[in-house]
Amino acid sequence: MPEDFLPDEILHPVGVVRSALKSRSECPKQGHEGAPDAWIEIAPAFVPALDGLSAGQEVLLLTWFHEGRRDVLKVHPRDNLDKPLRGVFATRSPDRPNPIGLHRVEILEIGQGRIHVRPLEALDGTPVIDIKPLLSRSGEG
C-alpha cells in the first residue's frame, strides 16, 4: 500500500450521542428493531453546520463505535452461532477495522446545539463523526 494511501488528517467528532442505551447488550441490532429516540449533542464549533436541517427530515448519522473491537475480521451474522462466519465487510457488525456506524434517522427537533432523532441504536456516549442529508432522486442536498 502506498505511503500516501491514507491522508494525514485526523477525524474530529462533531458531536456525541445521548441515549437511554447504556451498554452494548441493550442496543438493538438495527434502529427499526426497537431503538429509542436519542439526542445528538453537537460540539459548539459545529453548531453552524446544522443550518438547513429541519424537523421531519431524514439524515444519515455516521458514528464511531468506540466500544467496537478493531481486530475482528469475521463474525457470526447477528451473533447467531448457527450462521457461518462471514467477513465483517459483509455484515453490519460494530466490530470491524474502522468501526464506523451508519444510521438512518428522522430529525424530531433541533435546538440549542442538539438534535432529537429516532430511532437510534447507538450507545450513549458514541461519537458522531458526520451528519448527511438523504438525497432525493433529483440529487438535491
Protein backbone atom coordinates (compact mmCIF):
# COMPACT_ATOMS: atom_id res chain seq x y z
CA MET A 1 0.00 0.00 0.00
CA PRO A 2 1.45 3.41 -0.91
CA GLU A 3 2.50 5.65 1.98
CA ASP A 4 0.10 8.35 0.86
CA PHE A 5 -2.86 5.95 0.75
CA LEU A 6 -4.36 7.49 3.89
CA PRO A 7 -4.46 11.24 4.46
CA ASP A 8 -2.64 12.76 7.40
CA GLU A 9 -5.89 14.35 8.55
CA ILE A 10 -7.39 13.33 11.87
CA LEU A 11 -11.05 12.57 12.36
CA HIS A 12 -12.81 15.08 14.62
CA PRO A 13 -16.17 14.10 16.16
CA VAL A 14 -18.87 16.69 15.52
CA GLY A 15 -21.00 15.55 18.44
CA VAL A 16 -21.95 12.76 20.79
CA VAL A 17 -25.00 10.50 21.21
CA ARG A 18 -27.08 10.90 24.37
CA SER A 19 -29.27 7.83 24.70
CA ALA A 20 -31.01 5.60 27.23
CA LEU A 21 -28.85 2.75 25.85
CA LYS A 22 -26.01 2.43 28.35
CA SER A 23 -24.44 -0.94 27.39
CA ARG A 24 -23.80 -2.81 24.14
CA SER A 25 -26.11 -5.61 25.28
CA GLU A 26 -29.04 -3.13 25.36
CA CYS A 27 -28.52 -1.96 21.78
CA PRO A 28 -30.80 -3.41 19.10
CA LYS A 29 -29.01 -4.70 16.00
CA GLN A 30 -30.84 -2.12 13.83
CA GLY A 31 -32.76 1.04 14.61
CA HIS A 32 -36.11 -0.33 13.40
CA GLU A 33 -35.81 -3.20 15.91
CA GLY A 34 -36.92 -1.17 18.92
CA ALA A 35 -34.23 1.51 19.21
CA PRO A 36 -35.25 4.54 21.26
CA ASP A 37 -35.21 8.22 20.41
CA ALA A 38 -31.89 9.88 21.22
CA TRP A 39 -30.28 13.28 21.31
CA ILE A 40 -27.16 14.28 19.42
CA GLU A 41 -25.19 16.96 21.25
CA ILE A 42 -23.26 18.96 18.66
CA ALA A 43 -19.86 20.41 19.59
CA PRO A 44 -20.12 24.23 19.74
CA ALA A 45 -17.70 24.71 16.84
CA PHE A 46 -20.01 22.71 14.55
CA VAL A 47 -23.42 24.16 15.52
CA PRO A 48 -23.44 26.50 12.44
CA ALA A 49 -23.29 23.34 10.25
CA LEU A 50 -26.85 22.47 11.37
CA ASP A 51 -28.24 25.32 9.25
CA GLY A 52 -30.59 23.86 6.63
CA LEU A 53 -31.61 20.79 8.65
CA SER A 54 -35.20 20.63 9.90
CA ALA A 55 -37.65 18.53 11.90
CA GLY A 56 -39.20 15.77 9.81
CA GLN A 57 -36.09 15.38 7.65
CA GLU A 58 -34.27 12.04 7.40
CA VAL A 59 -30.50 12.07 7.71
CA LEU A 60 -27.66 9.60 7.86
CA LEU A 61 -25.60 9.72 11.04
CA LEU A 62 -22.09 8.37 10.86
CA THR A 63 -20.79 7.31 14.25
CA TRP A 64 -17.61 5.86 15.68
CA PHE A 65 -18.35 2.64 17.57
CA HIS A 66 -15.91 3.46 20.35
CA GLU A 67 -16.53 0.11 22.06
CA GLY A 68 -16.11 -1.87 18.85
CA ARG A 69 -13.22 -4.30 18.54
CA ARG A 70 -10.93 -3.32 15.67
CA ASP A 71 -9.14 -6.70 15.45
CA VAL A 72 -12.26 -8.67 14.46
CA LEU A 73 -12.42 -9.64 10.78
CA LYS A 74 -15.09 -12.39 10.85
CA VAL A 75 -18.29 -12.72 12.84
CA HIS A 76 -21.39 -14.87 13.02
CA PRO A 77 -24.05 -12.59 11.44
CA ARG A 78 -26.32 -11.07 14.11
CA ASP A 79 -24.33 -13.04 16.74
CA ASN A 80 -26.17 -16.19 15.66
CA LEU A 81 -23.73 -19.09 16.17
CA ASP A 82 -25.88 -21.25 13.85
CA LYS A 83 -24.84 -18.99 10.95
CA PRO A 84 -21.39 -19.49 9.43
CA LEU A 85 -18.65 -16.94 9.98
CA ARG A 86 -18.60 -14.09 7.46
CA GLY A 87 -16.22 -11.24 6.86
CA VAL A 88 -17.23 -8.08 8.73
CA PHE A 89 -17.47 -6.17 5.44
CA ALA A 90 -20.45 -8.44 4.60
CA THR A 91 -22.19 -7.59 7.90
CA ARG A 92 -23.35 -4.62 9.97
CA SER A 93 -21.22 -5.69 12.95
CA PRO A 94 -19.91 -2.85 15.17
CA ASP A 95 -16.65 -4.82 15.44
CA ARG A 96 -14.53 -4.01 12.37
CA PRO A 97 -11.18 -2.43 11.39
CA ASN A 98 -12.70 1.07 11.29
CA PRO A 99 -15.80 0.87 13.48
CA ILE A 100 -17.95 3.38 11.62
CA GLY A 101 -21.69 3.15 12.22
CA LEU A 102 -24.30 4.21 9.67
CA HIS A 103 -27.76 5.14 10.96
CA ARG A 104 -30.78 6.39 9.04
CA VAL A 105 -32.79 8.54 11.44
CA GLU A 106 -35.58 11.11 11.40
CA ILE A 107 -35.00 14.51 12.96
CA LEU A 108 -37.71 15.21 15.53
CA GLU A 109 -36.41 18.54 16.81
CA ILE A 110 -33.40 20.83 16.56
CA GLY A 111 -32.43 23.39 19.15
CA GLN A 112 -29.67 24.77 21.34
CA GLY A 113 -26.92 22.74 19.67
CA ARG A 114 -28.81 19.46 19.91
CA ILE A 115 -30.74 17.25 17.51
CA HIS A 116 -33.51 14.91 18.72
CA VAL A 117 -33.66 11.85 16.41
CA ARG A 118 -35.39 8.49 16.08
CA PRO A 119 -34.70 5.62 16.04
CA LEU A 120 -31.05 5.35 17.03
CA GLU A 121 -29.46 2.09 18.16
CA ALA A 122 -26.16 3.71 19.18
CA LEU A 123 -24.84 3.57 22.72
CA ASP A 124 -24.83 6.63 24.97
CA GLY A 125 -21.52 8.45 24.54
CA THR A 126 -20.95 7.24 20.96
CA PRO A 127 -19.05 9.90 18.98
CA VAL A 128 -20.84 11.29 15.92
CA ILE A 129 -18.41 11.85 13.07
CA ASP A 130 -20.77 13.27 10.43
CA ILE A 131 -24.38 14.02 9.52
CA LYS A 132 -25.52 13.78 5.92
CA PRO A 133 -28.93 14.51 4.39
CA LEU A 134 -30.63 11.83 2.36
CA LEU A 135 -30.59 12.85 -1.27
CA SER A 136 -33.77 12.95 -3.29
CA ARG A 137 -33.76 11.21 -6.62
CA SER A 138 -33.17 14.60 -8.24
CA GLY A 139 -29.86 14.88 -6.39
CA GLU A 140 -30.80 17.82 -4.17
CA GLY A 141 -28.79 18.26 -0.98
